[in-house]
Amino acid sequence: MGRCIYCHSVVTKHEDFCYVCGDSVPQQKKAVAANRPVSALTNIVFLASLTFTGYCFFAEHKLSLPTTLAIASTLLLIRMLAEHLANRKS
């Protein structure tokens, strides 16, 4: 909610004029902050490395479960950090 410029009465964002003084209310522009998605290359590398980690867990020479979870968690955190950095620069 905003206030009328002239009489300072409460005006909602859907009203075109002030109901107290009858003056027209200037409409505020909506701020657009679009998040930039992470690049397709980052997503492909993330999914490929996650798939390889899963394969290593089920392969003949297995990785241990804690090692597999640590690698997968690290990959997820790196991807989230890359997305955060990409959105912060905009």
PDB file of N, CA and C in Angstrom:
ATOM      1  N   MET A   1       0.840  -1.186   0.000  1.00  0.00           N
ATOM      2  CA  MET A   1       0.000   0.000   0.000  1.00  0.00           C
ATOM      3  C   MET A   1       0.874   1.235   0.000  1.00  0.00           C
ATOM      4  N   GLY A   2       0.382   2.228  -0.684  1.00  0.00           N
ATOM      5  CA  GLY A   2       1.093   3.481  -0.743  1.00  0.00           C
ATOM      6  C   GLY A   2       0.257   4.597  -0.147  1.00  0.00           C
ATOM      7  N   ARG A   3       0.730   5.785  -0.303  1.00  0.00           N
ATOM      8  CA  ARG A   3       0.023   6.963   0.210  1.00  0.00           C
ATOM      9  C   ARG A   3      -0.167   7.958  -0.921  1.00  0.00           C
ATOM     10  N   CYS A   4      -1.246   8.698  -0.825  1.00  0.00           N
ATOM     11  CA  CYS A   4      -1.520   9.762  -1.787  1.00  0.00           C
ATOM     12  C   CYS A   4      -0.469  10.854  -1.619  1.00  0.00           C
ATOM     13  N   ILE A   5      -0.009  11.407  -2.714  1.00  0.00           N
ATOM     14  CA  ILE A   5       1.026  12.432  -2.676  1.00  0.00           C
ATOM     15  C   ILE A   5       0.500  13.723  -2.042  1.00  0.00           C
ATOM     16  N   TYR A   6      -0.783  14.018  -2.222  1.00  0.00           N
ATOM     17  CA  TYR A   6      -1.328  15.295  -1.795  1.00  0.00           C
ATOM     18  C   TYR A   6      -1.952  15.254  -0.405  1.00  0.00           C
ATOM     19  N   CYS A   7      -2.772  14.242  -0.114  1.00  0.00           N
ATOM     20  CA  CYS A   7      -3.454  14.216   1.178  1.00  0.00           C
ATOM     21  C   CYS A   7      -2.940  13.121   2.114  1.00  0.00           C
ATOM     22  N   HIS A   8      -2.030  12.318   1.661  1.00  0.00           N
ATOM     23  CA  HIS A   8      -1.391  11.252   2.446  1.00  0.00           C
ATOM     24  C   HIS A   8      -2.365  10.195   2.955  1.00  0.00           C
ATOM     25  N   SER A   9      -3.457   9.999   2.274  1.00  0.00           N
ATOM     26  CA  SER A   9      -4.363   8.916   2.652  1.00  0.00           C
ATOM     27  C   SER A   9      -3.848   7.608   2.048  1.00  0.00           C
ATOM     28  N   VAL A  10      -4.294   6.497   2.617  1.00  0.00           N
ATOM     29  CA  VAL A  10      -3.846   5.186   2.159  1.00  0.00           C
ATOM     30  C   VAL A  10      -4.499   4.859   0.824  1.00  0.00           C
ATOM     31  N   VAL A  11      -3.667   4.436  -0.139  1.00  0.00           N
ATOM     32  CA  VAL A  11      -4.146   4.077  -1.469  1.00  0.00           C
ATOM     33  C   VAL A  11      -3.550   2.713  -1.814  1.00  0.00           C
ATOM     34  N   THR A  12      -4.405   1.790  -2.247  1.00  0.00           N
ATOM     35  CA  THR A  12      -3.885   0.484  -2.650  1.00  0.00           C
ATOM     36  C   THR A  12      -3.281   0.586  -4.046  1.00  0.00           C
ATOM     37  N   LYS A  13      -2.539  -0.424  -4.427  1.00  0.00           N
ATOM     38  CA  LYS A  13      -1.876  -0.376  -5.728  1.00  0.00           C
ATOM     39  C   LYS A  13      -2.840  -0.609  -6.888  1.00  0.00           C
ATOM     40  N   HIS A  14      -4.082  -1.016  -6.590  1.00  0.00           N
ATOM     41  CA  HIS A  14      -5.063  -1.256  -7.649  1.00  0.00           C
ATOM     42  C   HIS A  14      -5.954  -0.030  -7.911  1.00  0.00           C
ATOM     43  N   GLU A  15      -5.887   0.976  -7.070  1.00  0.00           N
ATOM     44  CA  GLU A  15      -6.725   2.161  -7.240  1.00  0.00           C
ATOM     45  C   GLU A  15      -6.059   3.151  -8.189  1.00  0.00           C
ATOM     46  N   ASP A  16      -6.888   3.765  -9.037  1.00  0.00           N
ATOM     47  CA  ASP A  16      -6.381   4.743  -9.994  1.00  0.00           C
ATOM     48  C   ASP A  16      -6.455   6.171  -9.467  1.00  0.00           C
ATOM     49  N   PHE A  17      -7.301   6.389  -8.466  1.00  0.00           N
ATOM     50  CA  PHE A  17      -7.414   7.726  -7.898  1.00  0.00           C
ATOM     51  C   PHE A  17      -7.641   7.636  -6.398  1.00  0.00           C
ATOM     52  N   CYS A  18      -7.298   8.698  -5.695  1.00  0.00           N
ATOM     53  CA  CYS A  18      -7.451   8.766  -4.241  1.00  0.00           C
ATOM     54  C   CYS A  18      -8.931   8.942  -3.908  1.00  0.00           C
ATOM     55  N   TYR A  19      -9.442   8.146  -2.984  1.00  0.00           N
ATOM     56  CA  TYR A  19     -10.860   8.230  -2.633  1.00  0.00           C
ATOM     57  C   TYR A  19     -11.138   9.399  -1.698  1.00  0.00           C
ATOM     58  N   VAL A  20     -10.111  10.010  -1.097  1.00  0.00           N
ATOM     59  CA  VAL A  20     -10.315  11.144  -0.192  1.00  0.00           C
ATOM     60  C   VAL A  20     -10.323  12.455  -0.967  1.00  0.00           C
ATOM     61  N   CYS A  21      -9.267  12.712  -1.736  1.00  0.00           N
ATOM     62  CA  CYS A  21      -9.172  13.987  -2.440  1.00  0.00           C
ATOM     63  C   CYS A  21      -9.538  13.879  -3.916  1.00  0.00           C
ATOM     64  N   GLY A  22      -9.634  12.670  -4.465  1.00  0.00           N
ATOM     65  CA  GLY A  22     -10.044  12.482  -5.852  1.00  0.00           C
ATOM     66  C   GLY A  22      -8.936  12.674  -6.870  1.00  0.00           C
ATOM     67  N   ASP A  23      -7.722  12.901  -6.446  1.00  0.00           N
ATOM     68  CA  ASP A  23      -6.622  13.120  -7.369  1.00  0.00           C
ATOM     69  C   ASP A  23      -6.136  11.780  -7.925  1.00  0.00           C
ATOM     70  N   SER A  24      -5.620  11.813  -9.149  1.00  0.00           N
ATOM     71  CA  SER A  24      -5.134  10.572  -9.747  1.00  0.00           C
ATOM     72  C   SER A  24      -3.824  10.156  -9.074  1.00  0.00           C
ATOM     73  N   VAL A  25      -3.653   8.867  -8.939  1.00  0.00           N
ATOM     74  CA  VAL A  25      -2.475   8.312  -8.272  1.00  0.00           C
ATOM     75  C   VAL A  25      -1.518   7.798  -9.333  1.00  0.00           C
ATOM     76  N   PRO A  26      -0.272   8.255  -9.339  1.00  0.00           N
ATOM     77  CA  PRO A  26       0.678   7.734 -10.323  1.00  0.00           C
ATOM     78  C   PRO A  26       0.992   6.270 -10.005  1.00  0.00           C
ATOM     79  N   GLN A  27       0.982   5.453 -11.045  1.00  0.00           N
ATOM     80  CA  GLN A  27       1.252   4.031 -10.864  1.00  0.00           C
ATOM     81  C   GLN A  27       2.759   3.809 -10.780  1.00  0.00           C
ATOM     82  N   GLN A  28       3.170   2.959  -9.851  1.00  0.00           N
ATOM     83  CA  GLN A  28       4.582   2.648  -9.695  1.00  0.00           C
ATOM     84  C   GLN A  28       4.955   1.522 -10.650  1.00  0.00           C
ATOM     85  N   LYS A  29       6.144   1.613 -11.190  1.00  0.00           N
ATOM     86  CA  LYS A  29       6.630   0.570 -12.070  1.00  0.00           C
ATOM     87  C   LYS A  29       7.050  -0.625 -11.227  1.00  0.00           C
ATOM     88  N   LYS A  30       6.752  -1.813 -11.737  1.00  0.00           N
ATOM     89  CA  LYS A  30       7.150  -3.022 -11.033  1.00  0.00           C
ATOM     90  C   LYS A  30       8.614  -3.312 -11.339  1.00  0.00           C
ATOM     91  N   ALA A  31       9.347  -3.638 -10.300  1.00  0.00           N
ATOM     92  CA  ALA A  31      10.749  -3.987 -10.475  1.00  0.00           C
ATOM     93  C   ALA A  31      10.839  -5.428 -10.964  1.00  0.00           C
ATOM     94  N   VAL A  32      11.574  -5.603 -12.036  1.00  0.00           N
ATOM     95  CA  VAL A  32      11.731  -6.934 -12.603  1.00  0.00           C
ATOM     96  C   VAL A  32      13.154  -7.393 -12.329  1.00  0.00           C
ATOM     97  N   ALA A  33      13.265  -8.449 -11.564  1.00  0.00           N
ATOM     98  CA  ALA A  33      14.571  -9.038 -11.271  1.00  0.00           C
ATOM     99  C   ALA A  33      14.524 -10.502 -11.672  1.00  0.00           C
ATOM    100  N   ALA A  34      14.885 -10.763 -12.903  1.00  0.00           N
ATOM    101  CA  ALA A  34      14.838 -12.126 -13.409  1.00  0.00           C
ATOM    102  C   ALA A  34      16.141 -12.841 -13.065  1.00  0.00           C
ATOM    103  N   ASN A  35      16.011 -14.040 -12.567  1.00  0.00           N
ATOM    104  CA  ASN A  35      17.188 -14.844 -12.278  1.00  0.00           C
ATOM    105  C   ASN A  35      17.735 -15.428 -13.574  1.00  0.00           C
ATOM    106  N   ARG A  36      19.033 -15.302 -13.721  1.00  0.00           N
ATOM    107  CA  ARG A  36      19.664 -15.912 -14.886  1.00  0.00           C
ATOM    108  C   ARG A  36      19.924 -17.369 -14.570  1.00  0.00           C
ATOM    109  N   PRO A  37      19.500 -18.250 -15.428  1.00  0.00           N
ATOM    110  CA  PRO A  37      19.774 -19.662 -15.156  1.00  0.00           C
ATOM    111  C   PRO A  37      21.246 -19.975 -15.382  1.00  0.00           C
ATOM    112  N   VAL A  38      21.689 -21.042 -14.757  1.00  0.00           N
ATOM    113  CA  VAL A  38      23.062 -21.502 -14.965  1.00  0.00           C
ATOM    114  C   VAL A  38      23.171 -21.999 -16.397  1.00  0.00           C
ATOM    115  N   SER A  39      24.324 -21.850 -16.983  1.00  0.00           N
ATOM    116  CA  SER A  39      24.507 -22.219 -18.378  1.00  0.00           C
ATOM    117  C   SER A  39      24.247 -23.707 -18.601  1.00  0.00           C
ATOM    118  N   ALA A  40      23.907 -24.046 -19.802  1.00  0.00           N
ATOM    119  CA  ALA A  40      23.629 -25.438 -20.152  1.00  0.00           C
ATOM    120  C   ALA A  40      24.871 -26.297 -19.957  1.00  0.00           C
ATOM    121  N   LEU A  41      26.045 -25.733 -20.215  1.00  0.00           N
ATOM    122  CA  LEU A  41      27.285 -26.477 -20.026  1.00  0.00           C
ATOM    123  C   LEU A  41      27.457 -26.885 -18.556  1.00  0.00           C
ATOM    124  N   THR A  42      27.165 -25.978 -17.644  1.00  0.00           N
ATOM    125  CA  THR A  42      27.269 -26.292 -16.213  1.00  0.00           C
ATOM    126  C   THR A  42      26.309 -27.402 -15.832  1.00  0.00           C
ATOM    127  N   ASN A  43      25.085 -27.354 -16.352  1.00  0.00           N
ATOM    128  CA  ASN A  43      24.113 -28.399 -16.050  1.00  0.00           C
ATOM    129  C   ASN A  43      24.540 -29.746 -16.615  1.00  0.00           C
ATOM    130  N   ILE A  44      25.079 -29.764 -17.834  1.00  0.00           N
ATOM    131  CA  ILE A  44      25.509 -31.023 -18.458  1.00  0.00           C
ATOM    132  C   ILE A  44      26.688 -31.620 -17.694  1.00  0.00           C
ATOM    133  N   VAL A  45      27.649 -30.786 -17.319  1.00  0.00           N
ATOM    134  CA  VAL A  45      28.799 -31.270 -16.563  1.00  0.00           C
ATOM    135  C   VAL A  45      28.358 -31.800 -15.201  1.00  0.00           C
ATOM    136  N   PHE A  46      27.431 -31.096 -14.550  1.00  0.00           N
ATOM    137  CA  PHE A  46      26.926 -31.542 -13.250  1.00  0.00           C
ATOM    138  C   PHE A  46      26.246 -32.897 -13.367  1.00  0.00           C
ATOM    139  N   LEU A  47      25.360 -33.054 -14.333  1.00  0.00           N
ATOM    140  CA  LEU A  47      24.646 -34.323 -14.483  1.00  0.00           C
ATOM    141  C   LEU A  47      25.591 -35.453 -14.899  1.00  0.00           C
ATOM    142  N   ALA A  48      26.547 -35.151 -15.771  1.00  0.00           N
ATOM    143  CA  ALA A  48      27.504 -36.175 -16.192  1.00  0.00           C
ATOM    144  C   ALA A  48      28.365 -36.640 -15.026  1.00  0.00           C
ATOM    145  N   SER A  49      28.840 -35.704 -14.223  1.00  0.00           N
ATOM    146  CA  SER A  49      29.679 -36.098 -13.098  1.00  0.00           C
ATOM    147  C   SER A  49      28.867 -36.807 -12.019  1.00  0.00           C
ATOM    148  N   LEU A  50      27.620 -36.422 -11.842  1.00  0.00           N
ATOM    149  CA  LEU A  50      26.759 -37.121 -10.890  1.00  0.00           C
ATOM    150  C   LEU A  50      26.462 -38.542 -11.373  1.00  0.00           C
ATOM    151  N   THR A  51      26.245 -38.707 -12.676  1.00  0.00           N
ATOM    152  CA  THR A  51      26.030 -40.033 -13.244  1.00  0.00           C
ATOM    153  C   THR A  51      27.281 -40.900 -13.090  1.00  0.00           C
ATOM    154  N   PHE A  52      28.445 -40.315 -13.345  1.00  0.00           N
ATOM    155  CA  PHE A  52      29.696 -41.058 -13.190  1.00  0.00           C
ATOM    156  C   PHE A  52      29.912 -41.464 -11.736  1.00  0.00           C
ATOM    157  N   THR A  53      29.562 -40.593 -10.805  1.00  0.00           N
ATOM    158  CA  THR A  53      29.680 -40.926  -9.384  1.00  0.00           C
ATOM    159  C   THR A  53      28.767 -42.092  -9.031  1.00  0.00           C
ATOM    160  N   GLY A  54      27.537 -42.084  -9.552  1.00  0.00           N
ATOM    161  CA  GLY A  54      26.616 -43.200  -9.320  1.00  0.00           C
ATOM    162  C   GLY A  54      27.132 -44.487  -9.936  1.00  0.00           C
ATOM    163  N   TYR A  55      27.720 -44.394 -11.114  1.00  0.00           N
ATOM    164  CA  TYR A  55      28.290 -45.566 -11.770  1.00  0.00           C
ATOM    165  C   TYR A  55      29.438 -46.143 -10.933  1.00  0.00           C
ATOM    166  N   CYS A  56      30.285 -45.255 -10.403  1.00  0.00           N
ATOM    167  CA  CYS A  56      31.412 -45.717  -9.585  1.00  0.00           C
ATOM    168  C   CYS A  56      30.934 -46.426  -8.324  1.00  0.00           C
ATOM    169  N   PHE A  57      29.775 -46.052  -7.814  1.00  0.00           N
ATOM    170  CA  PHE A  57      29.249 -46.711  -6.620  1.00  0.00           C
ATOM    171  C   PHE A  57      28.796 -48.134  -6.937  1.00  0.00           C
ATOM    172  N   PHE A  58      28.231 -48.347  -8.125  1.00  0.00           N
ATOM    173  CA  PHE A  58      27.707 -49.664  -8.483  1.00  0.00           C
ATOM    174  C   PHE A  58      28.680 -50.497  -9.326  1.00  0.00           C
ATOM    175  N   ALA A  59      29.826 -49.962  -9.684  1.00  0.00           N
ATOM    176  CA  ALA A  59      30.790 -50.689 -10.525  1.00  0.00           C
ATOM    177  C   ALA A  59      31.484 -51.782  -9.720  1.00  0.00           C
ATOM    178  N   GLU A  60      32.304 -52.549 -10.421  1.00  0.00           N
ATOM    179  CA  GLU A  60      32.997 -53.665  -9.782  1.00  0.00           C
ATOM    180  C   GLU A  60      33.952 -53.188  -8.688  1.00  0.00           C
ATOM    181  N   HIS A  61      34.722 -52.140  -8.983  1.00  0.00           N
ATOM    182  CA  HIS A  61      35.590 -51.536  -7.970  1.00  0.00           C
ATOM    183  C   HIS A  61      34.831 -50.358  -7.376  1.00  0.00           C
ATOM    184  N   LYS A  62      34.094 -50.634  -6.320  1.00  0.00           N
ATOM    185  CA  LYS A  62      33.156 -49.649  -5.771  1.00  0.00           C
ATOM    186  C   LYS A  62      33.857 -48.562  -4.962  1.00  0.00           C
ATOM    187  N   LEU A  63      33.235 -47.394  -4.994  1.00  0.00           N
ATOM    188  CA  LEU A  63      33.567 -46.355  -4.031  1.00  0.00           C
ATOM    189  C   LEU A  63      32.695 -46.609  -2.806  1.00  0.00           C
ATOM    190  N   SER A  64      33.156 -46.196  -1.674  1.00  0.00           N
ATOM    191  CA  SER A  64      32.339 -46.376  -0.478  1.00  0.00           C
ATOM    192  C   SER A  64      31.171 -45.387  -0.504  1.00  0.00           C
ATOM    193  N   LEU A  65      30.131 -45.694   0.233  1.00  0.00           N
ATOM    194  CA  LEU A  65      28.944 -44.833   0.267  1.00  0.00           C
ATOM    195  C   LEU A  65      29.273 -43.431   0.783  1.00  0.00           C
ATOM    196  N   PRO A  66      30.039 -43.275   1.871  1.00  0.00           N
ATOM    197  CA  PRO A  66      30.375 -41.909   2.315  1.00  0.00           C
ATOM    198  C   PRO A  66      31.142 -41.116   1.254  1.00  0.00           C
ATOM    199  N   THR A  67      32.040 -41.785   0.531  1.00  0.00           N
ATOM    200  CA  THR A  67      32.790 -41.097  -0.528  1.00  0.00           C
ATOM    201  C   THR A  67      31.859 -40.660  -1.651  1.00  0.00           C
ATOM    202  N   THR A  68      30.949 -41.548  -2.033  1.00  0.00           N
ATOM    203  CA  THR A  68      29.984 -41.221  -3.088  1.00  0.00           C
ATOM    204  C   THR A  68      29.090 -40.060  -2.672  1.00  0.00           C
ATOM    205  N   LEU A  69      28.602 -40.091  -1.436  1.00  0.00           N
ATOM    206  CA  LEU A  69      27.750 -38.996  -0.943  1.00  0.00           C
ATOM    207  C   LEU A  69      28.530 -37.687  -0.834  1.00  0.00           C
ATOM    208  N   ALA A  70      29.779 -37.769  -0.426  1.00  0.00           N
ATOM    209  CA  ALA A  70      30.601 -36.563  -0.328  1.00  0.00           C
ATOM    210  C   ALA A  70      30.831 -35.940  -1.707  1.00  0.00           C
ATOM    211  N   ILE A  71      31.105 -36.768  -2.690  1.00  0.00           N
ATOM    212  CA  ILE A  71      31.319 -36.253  -4.050  1.00  0.00           C
ATOM    213  C   ILE A  71      30.029 -35.648  -4.599  1.00  0.00           C
ATOM    214  N   ALA A  72      28.905 -36.343  -4.427  1.00  0.00           N
ATOM    215  CA  ALA A  72      27.629 -35.829  -4.929  1.00  0.00           C
ATOM    216  C   ALA A  72      27.244 -34.529  -4.234  1.00  0.00           C
ATOM    217  N   SER A  73      27.459 -34.444  -2.925  1.00  0.00           N
ATOM    218  CA  SER A  73      27.144 -33.215  -2.183  1.00  0.00           C
ATOM    219  C   SER A  73      28.028 -32.064  -2.634  1.00  0.00           C
ATOM    220  N   THR A  74      29.310 -32.361  -2.857  1.00  0.00           N
ATOM    221  CA  THR A  74      30.223 -31.320  -3.328  1.00  0.00           C
ATOM    222  C   THR A  74      29.810 -30.813  -4.699  1.00  0.00           C
ATOM    223  N   LEU A  75      29.434 -31.717  -5.591  1.00  0.00           N
ATOM    224  CA  LEU A  75      28.986 -31.305  -6.925  1.00  0.00           C
ATOM    225  C   LEU A  75      27.736 -30.436  -6.850  1.00  0.00           C
ATOM    226  N   LEU A  76      26.804 -30.813  -5.976  1.00  0.00           N
ATOM    227  CA  LEU A  76      25.585 -30.020  -5.818  1.00  0.00           C
ATOM    228  C   LEU A  76      25.895 -28.637  -5.264  1.00  0.00           C
ATOM    229  N   LEU A  77      26.780 -28.561  -4.281  1.00  0.00           N
ATOM    230  CA  LEU A  77      27.148 -27.260  -3.716  1.00  0.00           C
ATOM    231  C   LEU A  77      27.866 -26.383  -4.737  1.00  0.00           C
ATOM    232  N   ILE A  78      28.712 -26.985  -5.563  1.00  0.00           N
ATOM    233  CA  ILE A  78      29.399 -26.214  -6.599  1.00  0.00           C
ATOM    234  C   ILE A  78      28.386 -25.664  -7.606  1.00  0.00           C
ATOM    235  N   ARG A  79      27.402 -26.470  -7.973  1.00  0.00           N
ATOM    236  CA  ARG A  79      26.386 -26.011  -8.915  1.00  0.00           C
ATOM    237  C   ARG A  79      25.547 -24.882  -8.306  1.00  0.00           C
ATOM    238  N   MET A  80      25.176 -25.029  -7.032  1.00  0.00           N
ATOM    239  CA  MET A  80      24.397 -23.981  -6.369  1.00  0.00           C
ATOM    240  C   MET A  80      25.207 -22.699  -6.251  1.00  0.00           C
ATOM    241  N   LEU A  81      26.498 -22.814  -5.958  1.00  0.00           N
ATOM    242  CA  LEU A  81      27.362 -21.643  -5.871  1.00  0.00           C
ATOM    243  C   LEU A  81      27.499 -20.961  -7.233  1.00  0.00           C
ATOM    244  N   ALA A  82      27.612 -21.748  -8.294  1.00  0.00           N
ATOM    245  CA  ALA A  82      27.702 -21.173  -9.642  1.00  0.00           C
ATOM    246  C   ALA A  82      26.423 -20.427  -9.990  1.00  0.00           C
ATOM    247  N   GLU A  83      25.273 -20.990  -9.624  1.00  0.00           N
ATOM    248  CA  GLU A  83      24.001 -20.313  -9.893  1.00  0.00           C
ATOM    249  C   GLU A  83      23.893 -19.026  -9.079  1.00  0.00           C
ATOM    250  N   HIS A  84      24.326 -19.066  -7.833  1.00  0.00           N
ATOM    251  CA  HIS A  84      24.277 -17.874  -6.980  1.00  0.00           C
ATOM    252  C   HIS A  84      25.182 -16.772  -7.536  1.00  0.00           C
ATOM    253  N   LEU A  85      26.377 -17.139  -7.961  1.00  0.00           N
ATOM    254  CA  LEU A  85      27.296 -16.154  -8.528  1.00  0.00           C
ATOM    255  C   LEU A  85      26.768 -15.580  -9.840  1.00  0.00           C
ATOM    256  N   ALA A  86      26.124 -16.411 -10.646  1.00  0.00           N
ATOM    257  CA  ALA A  86      25.573 -15.923 -11.906  1.00  0.00           C
ATOM    258  C   ALA A  86      24.440 -14.936 -11.654  1.00  0.00           C
ATOM    259  N   ASN A  87      23.618 -15.185 -10.645  1.00  0.00           N
ATOM    260  CA  ASN A  87      22.513 -14.282 -10.340  1.00  0.00           C
ATOM    261  C   ASN A  87      22.982 -13.019  -9.620  1.00  0.00           C
ATOM    262  N   ARG A  88      24.077 -13.101  -8.892  1.00  0.00           N
ATOM    263  CA  ARG A  88      24.564 -11.945  -8.156  1.00  0.00           C
ATOM    264  C   ARG A  88      25.171 -10.906  -9.087  1.00  0.00           C
ATOM    265  N   LYS A  89      25.757 -11.334 -10.188  1.00  0.00           N
ATOM    266  CA  LYS A  89      26.405 -10.406 -11.121  1.00  0.00           C
ATOM    267  C   LYS A  89      25.401  -9.587 -11.923  1.00  0.00           C
ATOM    268  N   SER A  90      24.151 -10.021 -11.982  1.00  0.00           N
ATOM    269  CA  SER A  90      23.168  -9.292 -12.783  1.00  0.00           C
ATOM    270  C   SER A  90      22.580  -8.137 -12.015  1.00  0.00           C
TER     271      SER A  90
END
